[in-house]
Amino acid sequence: MRWRTARRSANVDDRRGLSVGAKRGLQLGGGAAIVAIIIGLLTGTDISSLLQGVGGGVGGPATGEGQAPGTPRPDDELAEFVSVVLADTEDTWQPLFAEMGRRYEPPILVLFSDAVDSACGFTSSAVGPFYCSGDNKVYIDLSFYQDLHTRFGAPGDFAQAYVIAHEVGHHVQNQLGILGEVNSLRARSSQAEANALAIRLELQADCLAGVWGHHADRHRNLLEQGDVEEGLGAASAVGDDRIQRQAHGQITPETWTHGSSEQRVRWFTRGFESGRFDQCDTFHTNSL
């Protein structure tokens, strides 16, 4: 990606190295712990509904000398990179929202290490990158990118950018009221129905990540040769089927919450090729 001379976002809150409360662990019961771990492996969801009422609740404020929003550590290349990606999502979604007669309010991107307090609760980095609709923030421990490379086999800067763009996709869903409506439906549904709705939500976020990639490429020439393949590789790497096969040697589609590798690649590609939000309606199609 041609990112080094691109605009940085002012909406980055660097909390790495801060002590969060007394480093309380997230006190999850067995079933909830499994859900959280799976979400961490799959990446990318709004965890609000999963963390509500779990464990000891939200702790006190972080302690230590933090940095003001928009000021990643000097000479921190990866933090600079995600700041550029966030800025470019802002440059994509602000005009697209304007075309819909809406105003886009960008999220804050929180960088943390080990654990973090959010409006969704006290969360370990084991959960992976996540979006919290309670405070309109995207959270990421940058060490996840090492796992993306070594554990999931998805190297490259555009693969890393895909993770941010997917989480911002959840913010777009939240801004449009989609996220709240779907979470409300899931709360009133059976487990199977809730999982099916979650898959459609996640595949839409993949498509929205593709929409961002389209505009980053066509309007700002941010992409280089091989970048699209990196993004497709990342989408494929975090498919439910691939992760289940890697972790357990078998696939159980009834437990999926994010979609298969093929589905994730298909919807990312659809967004990337069209660059249009209206091509990302995963809720009114029989073919995912």
C-alpha atoms as a PDB file:
ATOM      1  CA  MET A   1       0.000   0.000   0.000  1.00  0.00           C
ATOM      2  CA  ARG A   2       1.159   3.542  -0.763  1.00  0.00           C
ATOM      3  CA  TRP A   3       0.418   4.857   2.692  1.00  0.00           C
ATOM      4  CA  ARG A   4       3.496   6.668   3.999  1.00  0.00           C
ATOM      5  CA  THR A   5       2.648  10.104   2.623  1.00  0.00           C
ATOM      6  CA  ALA A   6      -1.106   9.784   3.154  1.00  0.00           C
ATOM      7  CA  ARG A   7      -3.158  11.665   5.722  1.00  0.00           C
ATOM      8  CA  ARG A   8      -3.191  10.468   9.343  1.00  0.00           C
ATOM      9  CA  SER A   9      -6.427  10.428  11.316  1.00  0.00           C
ATOM     10  CA  ALA A  10      -6.973  12.656  14.334  1.00  0.00           C
ATOM     11  CA  ASN A  11      -9.246   9.973  15.802  1.00  0.00           C
ATOM     12  CA  VAL A  12      -6.653   7.623  17.300  1.00  0.00           C
ATOM     13  CA  ASP A  13      -6.446   7.079  21.055  1.00  0.00           C
ATOM     14  CA  ASP A  14      -3.202   5.317  21.965  1.00  0.00           C
ATOM     15  CA  ARG A  15      -3.612   3.560  25.324  1.00  0.00           C
ATOM     16  CA  ARG A  16      -0.828   1.025  24.936  1.00  0.00           C
ATOM     17  CA  GLY A  17       1.254   0.490  28.020  1.00  0.00           C
ATOM     18  CA  LEU A  18      -1.405   1.828  30.360  1.00  0.00           C
ATOM     19  CA  SER A  19      -2.395  -0.111  33.458  1.00  0.00           C
ATOM     20  CA  VAL A  20      -6.102  -0.894  33.256  1.00  0.00           C
ATOM     21  CA  GLY A  21      -7.502  -1.102  36.769  1.00  0.00           C
ATOM     22  CA  ALA A  22      -5.855  -3.982  38.575  1.00  0.00           C
ATOM     23  CA  LYS A  23      -5.589  -6.098  35.399  1.00  0.00           C
ATOM     24  CA  ARG A  24      -8.757  -7.899  36.323  1.00  0.00           C
ATOM     25  CA  GLY A  25      -9.363 -10.866  34.089  1.00  0.00           C
ATOM     26  CA  LEU A  26     -12.635 -11.030  32.243  1.00  0.00           C
ATOM     27  CA  GLN A  27     -14.567 -13.376  34.518  1.00  0.00           C
ATOM     28  CA  LEU A  28     -16.366 -15.419  31.898  1.00  0.00           C
ATOM     29  CA  GLY A  29     -18.229 -18.638  32.466  1.00  0.00           C
ATOM     30  CA  GLY A  30     -17.236 -21.643  30.381  1.00  0.00           C
ATOM     31  CA  GLY A  31     -19.682 -21.106  27.525  1.00  0.00           C
ATOM     32  CA  ALA A  32     -19.124 -17.350  27.356  1.00  0.00           C
ATOM     33  CA  ALA A  33     -15.368 -17.840  27.435  1.00  0.00           C
ATOM     34  CA  ILE A  34     -15.576 -20.127  24.423  1.00  0.00           C
ATOM     35  CA  VAL A  35     -17.661 -17.550  22.575  1.00  0.00           C
ATOM     36  CA  ALA A  36     -15.160 -14.802  23.350  1.00  0.00           C
ATOM     37  CA  ILE A  37     -12.216 -16.917  22.242  1.00  0.00           C
ATOM     38  CA  ILE A  38     -13.933 -17.871  18.999  1.00  0.00           C
ATOM     39  CA  ILE A  39     -14.735 -14.229  18.317  1.00  0.00           C
ATOM     40  CA  GLY A  40     -11.105 -13.381  18.926  1.00  0.00           C
ATOM     41  CA  LEU A  41     -10.052 -15.995  16.413  1.00  0.00           C
ATOM     42  CA  LEU A  42     -12.569 -14.950  13.806  1.00  0.00           C
ATOM     43  CA  THR A  43     -12.082 -11.207  14.335  1.00  0.00           C
ATOM     44  CA  GLY A  44     -14.492  -8.427  13.812  1.00  0.00           C
ATOM     45  CA  THR A  45     -17.782  -8.055  15.586  1.00  0.00           C
ATOM     46  CA  ASP A  46     -19.648  -5.737  17.888  1.00  0.00           C
ATOM     47  CA  ILE A  47     -19.189  -7.485  21.236  1.00  0.00           C
ATOM     48  CA  SER A  48     -21.596  -5.310  23.206  1.00  0.00           C
ATOM     49  CA  SER A  49     -24.350  -7.889  23.452  1.00  0.00           C
ATOM     50  CA  LEU A  50     -21.876 -10.605  24.394  1.00  0.00           C
ATOM     51  CA  LEU A  51     -20.203  -8.723  27.220  1.00  0.00           C
ATOM     52  CA  GLN A  52     -23.283  -7.212  28.828  1.00  0.00           C
ATOM     53  CA  GLY A  53     -23.920  -8.809  32.171  1.00  0.00           C
ATOM     54  CA  VAL A  54     -20.771 -10.926  32.001  1.00  0.00           C
ATOM     55  CA  GLY A  55     -18.200 -10.883  34.786  1.00  0.00           C
ATOM     56  CA  GLY A  56     -17.529  -8.030  37.143  1.00  0.00           C
ATOM     57  CA  GLY A  57     -18.600  -5.207  34.891  1.00  0.00           C
ATOM     58  CA  VAL A  58     -16.629  -2.178  33.806  1.00  0.00           C
ATOM     59  CA  GLY A  59     -13.612  -1.262  35.923  1.00  0.00           C
ATOM     60  CA  GLY A  60     -12.220   2.111  36.813  1.00  0.00           C
ATOM     61  CA  PRO A  61     -10.414   4.406  34.414  1.00  0.00           C
ATOM     62  CA  ALA A  62      -7.022   3.471  33.072  1.00  0.00           C
ATOM     63  CA  THR A  63      -4.073   4.786  35.032  1.00  0.00           C
ATOM     64  CA  GLY A  64      -0.766   6.045  33.741  1.00  0.00           C
ATOM     65  CA  GLU A  65       0.466   8.736  31.436  1.00  0.00           C
ATOM     66  CA  GLY A  66      -1.405   8.229  28.192  1.00  0.00           C
ATOM     67  CA  GLN A  67      -1.244  10.203  25.006  1.00  0.00           C
ATOM     68  CA  ALA A  68      -3.853  12.473  23.553  1.00  0.00           C
ATOM     69  CA  PRO A  69      -6.076  11.139  20.762  1.00  0.00           C
ATOM     70  CA  GLY A  70      -4.412  11.382  17.380  1.00  0.00           C
ATOM     71  CA  THR A  71      -0.858  11.028  18.683  1.00  0.00           C
ATOM     72  CA  PRO A  72       0.498   7.506  18.158  1.00  0.00           C
ATOM     73  CA  ARG A  73       3.975   6.969  19.543  1.00  0.00           C
ATOM     74  CA  PRO A  74       6.747   8.603  17.531  1.00  0.00           C
ATOM     75  CA  ASP A  75       8.473   6.281  15.066  1.00  0.00           C
ATOM     76  CA  ASP A  76       5.797   3.660  15.598  1.00  0.00           C
ATOM     77  CA  GLU A  77       5.278   2.484  12.042  1.00  0.00           C
ATOM     78  CA  LEU A  78       2.363   0.138  12.642  1.00  0.00           C
ATOM     79  CA  ALA A  79       0.452   2.734  14.638  1.00  0.00           C
ATOM     80  CA  GLU A  80       1.094   5.236  11.864  1.00  0.00           C
ATOM     81  CA  PHE A  81      -0.180   2.724   9.338  1.00  0.00           C
ATOM     82  CA  VAL A  82      -3.495   2.051  11.088  1.00  0.00           C
ATOM     83  CA  SER A  83      -3.951   5.800  11.537  1.00  0.00           C
ATOM     84  CA  VAL A  84      -3.638   6.209   7.763  1.00  0.00           C
ATOM     85  CA  VAL A  85      -6.125   3.391   7.137  1.00  0.00           C
ATOM     86  CA  LEU A  86      -8.586   4.960   9.574  1.00  0.00           C
ATOM     87  CA  ALA A  87      -8.184   8.334   7.848  1.00  0.00           C
ATOM     88  CA  ASP A  88      -8.873   6.750   4.500  1.00  0.00           C
ATOM     89  CA  THR A  89     -12.049   5.092   5.774  1.00  0.00           C
ATOM     90  CA  GLU A  90     -13.145   8.559   6.890  1.00  0.00           C
ATOM     91  CA  ASP A  91     -12.431   9.911   3.397  1.00  0.00           C
ATOM     92  CA  THR A  92     -14.521   7.089   1.945  1.00  0.00           C
ATOM     93  CA  TRP A  93     -17.566   7.071   4.193  1.00  0.00           C
ATOM     94  CA  GLN A  94     -18.065  10.805   4.673  1.00  0.00           C
ATOM     95  CA  PRO A  95     -18.950  11.462   0.994  1.00  0.00           C
ATOM     96  CA  LEU A  96     -20.873   8.180   0.672  1.00  0.00           C
ATOM     97  CA  PHE A  97     -23.023   9.138   3.662  1.00  0.00           C
ATOM     98  CA  ALA A  98     -23.481  12.613   2.172  1.00  0.00           C
ATOM     99  CA  GLU A  99     -24.829  10.978  -0.995  1.00  0.00           C
ATOM    100  CA  MET A 100     -27.422   9.252   1.226  1.00  0.00           C
ATOM    101  CA  GLY A 101     -28.339  12.557   2.852  1.00  0.00           C
ATOM    102  CA  ARG A 102     -26.660  11.569   6.109  1.00  0.00           C
ATOM    103  CA  ARG A 103     -23.726  12.777   8.151  1.00  0.00           C
ATOM    104  CA  TYR A 104     -20.943  10.327   8.941  1.00  0.00           C
ATOM    105  CA  GLU A 105     -19.476  10.553  12.433  1.00  0.00           C
ATOM    106  CA  PRO A 106     -16.165   8.651  12.355  1.00  0.00           C
ATOM    107  CA  PRO A 107     -15.250   6.240  15.151  1.00  0.00           C
ATOM    108  CA  ILE A 108     -12.315   6.555  17.511  1.00  0.00           C
ATOM    109  CA  LEU A 109      -9.656   3.883  17.037  1.00  0.00           C
ATOM    110  CA  VAL A 110      -8.261   2.748  20.396  1.00  0.00           C
ATOM    111  CA  LEU A 111      -4.854   1.087  20.459  1.00  0.00           C
ATOM    112  CA  PHE A 112      -4.303  -1.007  23.581  1.00  0.00           C
ATOM    113  CA  SER A 113      -2.089  -3.737  24.939  1.00  0.00           C
ATOM    114  CA  ASP A 114      -3.220  -6.825  26.854  1.00  0.00           C
ATOM    115  CA  ALA A 115      -6.587  -5.509  28.072  1.00  0.00           C
ATOM    116  CA  VAL A 116      -8.829  -2.478  27.826  1.00  0.00           C
ATOM    117  CA  ASP A 117     -11.888  -0.895  29.417  1.00  0.00           C
ATOM    118  CA  SER A 118     -14.667   0.100  27.039  1.00  0.00           C
ATOM    119  CA  ALA A 119     -18.380   0.763  27.207  1.00  0.00           C
ATOM    120  CA  CYS A 120     -18.738  -2.928  26.387  1.00  0.00           C
ATOM    121  CA  GLY A 121     -16.805  -4.018  29.478  1.00  0.00           C
ATOM    122  CA  PHE A 122     -13.317  -4.967  30.534  1.00  0.00           C
ATOM    123  CA  THR A 123     -11.873  -6.921  27.612  1.00  0.00           C
ATOM    124  CA  SER A 124      -8.751  -9.023  27.113  1.00  0.00           C
ATOM    125  CA  SER A 125      -6.770  -8.811  23.896  1.00  0.00           C
ATOM    126  CA  ALA A 126      -7.615 -12.526  23.452  1.00  0.00           C
ATOM    127  CA  VAL A 127     -10.978 -11.337  22.098  1.00  0.00           C
ATOM    128  CA  GLY A 128      -9.157  -9.803  19.140  1.00  0.00           C
ATOM    129  CA  PRO A 129     -10.044  -6.554  17.338  1.00  0.00           C
ATOM    130  CA  PHE A 130     -13.599  -5.449  18.067  1.00  0.00           C
ATOM    131  CA  TYR A 131     -16.099  -2.666  17.639  1.00  0.00           C
ATOM    132  CA  CYS A 132     -18.111  -1.427  20.601  1.00  0.00           C
ATOM    133  CA  SER A 133     -21.372   0.272  19.680  1.00  0.00           C
ATOM    134  CA  GLY A 134     -21.702   1.523  23.264  1.00  0.00           C
ATOM    135  CA  ASP A 135     -18.983   4.119  22.713  1.00  0.00           C
ATOM    136  CA  ASN A 136     -18.583   4.076  18.905  1.00  0.00           C
ATOM    137  CA  LYS A 137     -14.983   2.931  19.092  1.00  0.00           C
ATOM    138  CA  VAL A 138     -12.844   0.344  17.346  1.00  0.00           C
ATOM    139  CA  TYR A 139     -10.369  -1.459  19.618  1.00  0.00           C
ATOM    140  CA  ILE A 140      -7.235  -3.301  18.572  1.00  0.00           C
ATOM    141  CA  ASP A 141      -4.143  -4.722  20.217  1.00  0.00           C
ATOM    142  CA  LEU A 142      -1.611  -4.421  17.408  1.00  0.00           C
ATOM    143  CA  SER A 143      -0.025  -7.712  18.434  1.00  0.00           C
ATOM    144  CA  PHE A 144      -3.013  -9.307  16.677  1.00  0.00           C
ATOM    145  CA  TYR A 145      -1.309  -8.590  13.377  1.00  0.00           C
ATOM    146  CA  GLN A 146       1.455 -11.013  14.274  1.00  0.00           C
ATOM    147  CA  ASP A 147      -1.203 -13.698  14.787  1.00  0.00           C
ATOM    148  CA  LEU A 148      -2.798 -12.738  11.484  1.00  0.00           C
ATOM    149  CA  HIS A 149       0.513 -13.401   9.783  1.00  0.00           C
ATOM    150  CA  THR A 150       1.785 -16.468  11.616  1.00  0.00           C
ATOM    151  CA  ARG A 151      -1.360 -18.228  12.814  1.00  0.00           C
ATOM    152  CA  PHE A 152      -3.784 -17.377  10.055  1.00  0.00           C
ATOM    153  CA  GLY A 153      -1.278 -17.182   7.210  1.00  0.00           C
ATOM    154  CA  ALA A 154      -2.469 -13.770   6.042  1.00  0.00           C
ATOM    155  CA  PRO A 155       0.551 -11.451   5.758  1.00  0.00           C
ATOM    156  CA  GLY A 156       0.725  -8.035   4.151  1.00  0.00           C
ATOM    157  CA  ASP A 157      -0.303  -4.473   4.876  1.00  0.00           C
ATOM    158  CA  PHE A 158      -3.596  -4.694   3.001  1.00  0.00           C
ATOM    159  CA  ALA A 159      -4.537  -7.751   5.057  1.00  0.00           C
ATOM    160  CA  GLN A 160      -3.967  -5.580   8.118  1.00  0.00           C
ATOM    161  CA  ALA A 161      -5.979  -2.762   6.587  1.00  0.00           C
ATOM    162  CA  TYR A 162      -8.850  -5.178   5.911  1.00  0.00           C
ATOM    163  CA  VAL A 163      -9.161  -5.813   9.665  1.00  0.00           C
ATOM    164  CA  ILE A 164      -9.587  -2.096  10.391  1.00  0.00           C
ATOM    165  CA  ALA A 165     -11.961  -1.599   7.459  1.00  0.00           C
ATOM    166  CA  HIS A 166     -14.111  -4.531   8.615  1.00  0.00           C
ATOM    167  CA  GLU A 167     -14.438  -3.058  12.114  1.00  0.00           C
ATOM    168  CA  VAL A 168     -15.248   0.347  10.644  1.00  0.00           C
ATOM    169  CA  GLY A 169     -17.877  -1.498   8.606  1.00  0.00           C
ATOM    170  CA  HIS A 170     -19.582  -2.355  11.890  1.00  0.00           C
ATOM    171  CA  HIS A 171     -19.487   1.338  12.775  1.00  0.00           C
ATOM    172  CA  VAL A 172     -21.141   2.149   9.458  1.00  0.00           C
ATOM    173  CA  GLN A 173     -23.824  -0.408  10.305  1.00  0.00           C
ATOM    174  CA  ASN A 174     -24.259   1.228  13.693  1.00  0.00           C
ATOM    175  CA  GLN A 175     -24.546   4.714  12.187  1.00  0.00           C
ATOM    176  CA  LEU A 176     -27.265   3.484   9.833  1.00  0.00           C
ATOM    177  CA  GLY A 177     -29.194   1.682  12.571  1.00  0.00           C
ATOM    178  CA  ILE A 178     -28.545  -1.761  11.109  1.00  0.00           C
ATOM    179  CA  LEU A 179     -26.400  -3.007  13.972  1.00  0.00           C
ATOM    180  CA  GLY A 180     -28.892  -2.139  16.698  1.00  0.00           C
ATOM    181  CA  GLU A 181     -31.802  -3.645  14.798  1.00  0.00           C
ATOM    182  CA  VAL A 182     -29.968  -6.902  14.134  1.00  0.00           C
ATOM    183  CA  ASN A 183     -28.713  -7.219  17.709  1.00  0.00           C
ATOM    184  CA  SER A 184     -32.260  -6.659  18.946  1.00  0.00           C
ATOM    185  CA  LEU A 185     -33.544  -9.403  16.635  1.00  0.00           C
ATOM    186  CA  ARG A 186     -30.775 -11.750  17.735  1.00  0.00           C
ATOM    187  CA  ALA A 187     -31.694 -11.254  21.388  1.00  0.00           C
ATOM    188  CA  ARG A 188     -35.229 -12.472  20.642  1.00  0.00           C
ATOM    189  CA  SER A 189     -34.193 -15.374  18.430  1.00  0.00           C
ATOM    190  CA  SER A 190     -33.171 -18.967  18.894  1.00  0.00           C
ATOM    191  CA  GLN A 191     -29.453 -19.728  18.879  1.00  0.00           C
ATOM    192  CA  ALA A 192     -29.607 -20.982  15.300  1.00  0.00           C
ATOM    193  CA  GLU A 193     -31.470 -17.871  14.137  1.00  0.00           C
ATOM    194  CA  ALA A 194     -29.114 -15.587  16.065  1.00  0.00           C
ATOM    195  CA  ASN A 195     -26.108 -17.240  14.428  1.00  0.00           C
ATOM    196  CA  ALA A 196     -27.663 -16.848  10.985  1.00  0.00           C
ATOM    197  CA  LEU A 197     -28.250 -13.137  11.595  1.00  0.00           C
ATOM    198  CA  ALA A 198     -24.683 -12.730  12.883  1.00  0.00           C
ATOM    199  CA  ILE A 199     -23.333 -14.244   9.677  1.00  0.00           C
ATOM    200  CA  ARG A 200     -25.290 -11.772   7.552  1.00  0.00           C
ATOM    201  CA  LEU A 201     -24.046  -8.906   9.742  1.00  0.00           C
ATOM    202  CA  GLU A 202     -20.424 -10.006   9.419  1.00  0.00           C
ATOM    203  CA  LEU A 203     -20.601 -10.620   5.684  1.00  0.00           C
ATOM    204  CA  GLN A 204     -22.039  -7.155   5.226  1.00  0.00           C
ATOM    205  CA  ALA A 205     -19.097  -5.725   7.175  1.00  0.00           C
ATOM    206  CA  ASP A 206     -16.782  -7.640   4.827  1.00  0.00           C
ATOM    207  CA  CYS A 207     -18.585  -6.116   1.856  1.00  0.00           C
ATOM    208  CA  LEU A 208     -18.267  -2.649   3.398  1.00  0.00           C
ATOM    209  CA  ALA A 209     -14.543  -3.257   3.847  1.00  0.00           C
ATOM    210  CA  GLY A 210     -14.471  -3.996   0.135  1.00  0.00           C
ATOM    211  CA  VAL A 211     -16.316  -0.742  -0.601  1.00  0.00           C
ATOM    212  CA  TRP A 212     -13.585   1.109   1.266  1.00  0.00           C
ATOM    213  CA  GLY A 213     -10.900  -0.751  -0.701  1.00  0.00           C
ATOM    214  CA  HIS A 214     -12.568   0.240  -3.969  1.00  0.00           C
ATOM    215  CA  HIS A 215     -12.475   3.946  -3.127  1.00  0.00           C
ATOM    216  CA  ALA A 216      -8.989   3.796  -1.617  1.00  0.00           C
ATOM    217  CA  ASP A 217      -7.796   2.358  -4.916  1.00  0.00           C
ATOM    218  CA  ARG A 218      -9.839   4.308  -7.461  1.00  0.00           C
ATOM    219  CA  HIS A 219      -9.823   7.744  -5.854  1.00  0.00           C
ATOM    220  CA  ARG A 220      -6.601   7.882  -3.838  1.00  0.00           C
ATOM    221  CA  ASN A 221      -4.401   5.293  -5.554  1.00  0.00           C
ATOM    222  CA  LEU A 222      -3.536   3.729  -2.206  1.00  0.00           C
ATOM    223  CA  LEU A 223      -3.290   0.135  -3.418  1.00  0.00           C
ATOM    224  CA  GLU A 224      -0.316  -1.543  -5.048  1.00  0.00           C
ATOM    225  CA  GLN A 225      -0.006  -4.759  -7.033  1.00  0.00           C
ATOM    226  CA  GLY A 226      -0.806  -7.737  -4.819  1.00  0.00           C
ATOM    227  CA  ASP A 227      -2.807  -5.778  -2.244  1.00  0.00           C
ATOM    228  CA  VAL A 228      -6.189  -7.130  -3.338  1.00  0.00           C
ATOM    229  CA  GLU A 229      -4.853 -10.666  -3.074  1.00  0.00           C
ATOM    230  CA  GLU A 230      -3.708  -9.908   0.478  1.00  0.00           C
ATOM    231  CA  GLY A 231      -7.187  -8.696   1.374  1.00  0.00           C
ATOM    232  CA  LEU A 232      -8.799 -11.764  -0.141  1.00  0.00           C
ATOM    233  CA  GLY A 233      -6.323 -13.930   1.727  1.00  0.00           C
ATOM    234  CA  ALA A 234      -7.243 -12.289   5.018  1.00  0.00           C
ATOM    235  CA  ALA A 235     -10.977 -12.680   4.358  1.00  0.00           C
ATOM    236  CA  SER A 236     -10.451 -16.344   3.530  1.00  0.00           C
ATOM    237  CA  ALA A 237      -8.182 -16.941   6.526  1.00  0.00           C
ATOM    238  CA  VAL A 238     -10.860 -15.936   9.026  1.00  0.00           C
ATOM    239  CA  GLY A 239     -13.692 -17.988   7.546  1.00  0.00           C
ATOM    240  CA  ASP A 240     -15.507 -20.140  10.115  1.00  0.00           C
ATOM    241  CA  ASP A 241     -14.845 -23.332   8.186  1.00  0.00           C
ATOM    242  CA  ARG A 242     -11.119 -22.750   7.895  1.00  0.00           C
ATOM    243  CA  ILE A 243     -10.706 -21.833  11.547  1.00  0.00           C
ATOM    244  CA  GLN A 244     -12.754 -24.795  12.750  1.00  0.00           C
ATOM    245  CA  ARG A 245     -10.781 -27.174  10.559  1.00  0.00           C
ATOM    246  CA  GLN A 246      -7.528 -25.721  11.884  1.00  0.00           C
ATOM    247  CA  ALA A 247      -8.617 -25.822  15.520  1.00  0.00           C
ATOM    248  CA  HIS A 248     -10.626 -29.051  15.675  1.00  0.00           C
ATOM    249  CA  GLY A 249     -10.140 -30.904  12.417  1.00  0.00           C
ATOM    250  CA  GLN A 250     -13.860 -30.784  11.646  1.00  0.00           C
ATOM    251  CA  ILE A 251     -16.458 -28.283  10.468  1.00  0.00           C
ATOM    252  CA  THR A 252     -19.786 -27.585  12.220  1.00  0.00           C
ATOM    253  CA  PRO A 253     -21.728 -25.046  10.100  1.00  0.00           C
ATOM    254  CA  GLU A 254     -24.543 -24.747  12.650  1.00  0.00           C
ATOM    255  CA  THR A 255     -22.129 -22.948  15.008  1.00  0.00           C
ATOM    256  CA  TRP A 256     -20.868 -20.440  12.456  1.00  0.00           C
ATOM    257  CA  THR A 257     -21.207 -16.732  13.256  1.00  0.00           C
ATOM    258  CA  HIS A 258     -19.089 -15.104  10.525  1.00  0.00           C
ATOM    259  CA  GLY A 259     -19.505 -17.211   7.391  1.00  0.00           C
ATOM    260  CA  SER A 260     -17.279 -19.505   5.390  1.00  0.00           C
ATOM    261  CA  SER A 261     -14.035 -18.481   3.715  1.00  0.00           C
ATOM    262  CA  GLU A 262     -15.795 -18.580   0.352  1.00  0.00           C
ATOM    263  CA  GLN A 263     -18.616 -16.359   1.588  1.00  0.00           C
ATOM    264  CA  ARG A 264     -16.286 -13.820   3.160  1.00  0.00           C
ATOM    265  CA  VAL A 265     -14.191 -13.593   0.005  1.00  0.00           C
ATOM    266  CA  ARG A 266     -17.345 -13.292  -2.158  1.00  0.00           C
ATOM    267  CA  TRP A 267     -18.798 -10.390  -0.193  1.00  0.00           C
ATOM    268  CA  PHE A 268     -15.504  -8.539   0.143  1.00  0.00           C
ATOM    269  CA  THR A 269     -15.060  -8.890  -3.616  1.00  0.00           C
ATOM    270  CA  ARG A 270     -18.591  -7.658  -4.260  1.00  0.00           C
ATOM    271  CA  GLY A 271     -17.938  -4.502  -2.275  1.00  0.00           C
ATOM    272  CA  PHE A 272     -14.531  -3.978  -3.846  1.00  0.00           C
ATOM    273  CA  GLU A 273     -15.744  -4.361  -7.409  1.00  0.00           C
ATOM    274  CA  SER A 274     -18.834  -2.176  -7.009  1.00  0.00           C
ATOM    275  CA  GLY A 275     -17.754   0.436  -4.471  1.00  0.00           C
ATOM    276  CA  ARG A 276     -21.431   0.792  -3.591  1.00  0.00           C
ATOM    277  CA  PHE A 277     -23.203   0.390  -0.279  1.00  0.00           C
ATOM    278  CA  ASP A 278     -26.387  -0.831  -1.953  1.00  0.00           C
ATOM    279  CA  GLN A 279     -24.492  -3.877  -3.218  1.00  0.00           C
ATOM    280  CA  CYS A 280     -23.878  -5.004   0.378  1.00  0.00           C
ATOM    281  CA  ASP A 281     -27.414  -5.978   1.357  1.00  0.00           C
ATOM    282  CA  THR A 282     -26.820  -9.398   2.888  1.00  0.00           C
ATOM    283  CA  PHE A 283     -30.192  -9.354   4.637  1.00  0.00           C
ATOM    284  CA  HIS A 284     -32.436  -9.630   1.575  1.00  0.00           C
ATOM    285  CA  THR A 285     -30.786 -12.399  -0.369  1.00  0.00           C
ATOM    286  CA  ASN A 286     -31.178 -16.150  -0.258  1.00  0.00           C
ATOM    287  CA  SER A 287     -27.665 -16.677  -1.575  1.00  0.00           C
ATOM    288  CA  LEU A 288     -24.802 -15.726   0.709  1.00  0.00           C
END
